[in-house]
Structure formats: structure tokens, C-alpha cells
Amino acid sequence: EVTTDLDVLARQTLLQWLREESEAGVTVLFSTHIFDGLEGWGTHVTYVSQGRVALSEQMDRIPELEQLRAEGAEAPLFSFVEALCRSDTARNHAEGKVSTRGVMHTWTRPGADTSVH
């Protein structure tokens, strides 16, 4: 997690720079469990669980995330990821698998419309 040890201002400066780079056409892959400041920025999300890609999709094509946005959730991306992680953890537990936390990656493809819809 690249921003873990950064103070608030340094983290915001880094995120702003990454956003500017993505808007200039650079693909940014950001692996994180901290979602503050990412809402409306990434264009895709990938969720890795048990060493496998469990979800990889454009954010605007994820019905659950769109529903949270339509309902006016305060932090739709965080709420979606939390529900995904809880469901995944419960499923792994029920299947007797070692419970590992999934890893979420958000990324922006070059030229993507990063505005919030």
C-alpha cells in the first residue's frame, strides 16, 4: 500500500498527481484497501481472492455499485468493496478455506471519462 505511511496532505498530493497522469493518458494501477479519495476516479476494478481474479470489470458495469450510487450511499465504492469482502470471507469460511482478505485494484485506462455519473 503506497499511501499507508503518508500524511493526509502527502497522500492527497500523490493521488492528485496520479489522477492528472491518468487524465494525460497514462494507465494507473492502484492496489489499495484505503478508498478515501478514489470515488469517481478509477474506471475499472479488479478483486483478487484466494490467488484468483474474482472480479474484473468497468466500474460503471457493476450493478451493485451503480445501485449504491443511485441510492446516494455516502461512500459507494467502499460500501461495495466491504460487501464483496464480507461475502467472500463468509463463502471461504463455509467452504473450509483459509480466510484471506481479497485485494482490490482500481485502475484508470488512458482517455477514460473519469467524471462521476
Foldseek 3Di string as FASTA:
>chain_A
DVCPPPDPVVVVVVLVVVQVVQAVFDKDKDKDLDCPPCVLRFQWKWKADPNHTPDIGGQVPPVQLVVCVVVVPPRSVNVVLVVVQVVVQVVCVVVVHDRDGIIMITIHGHPDDSGDD
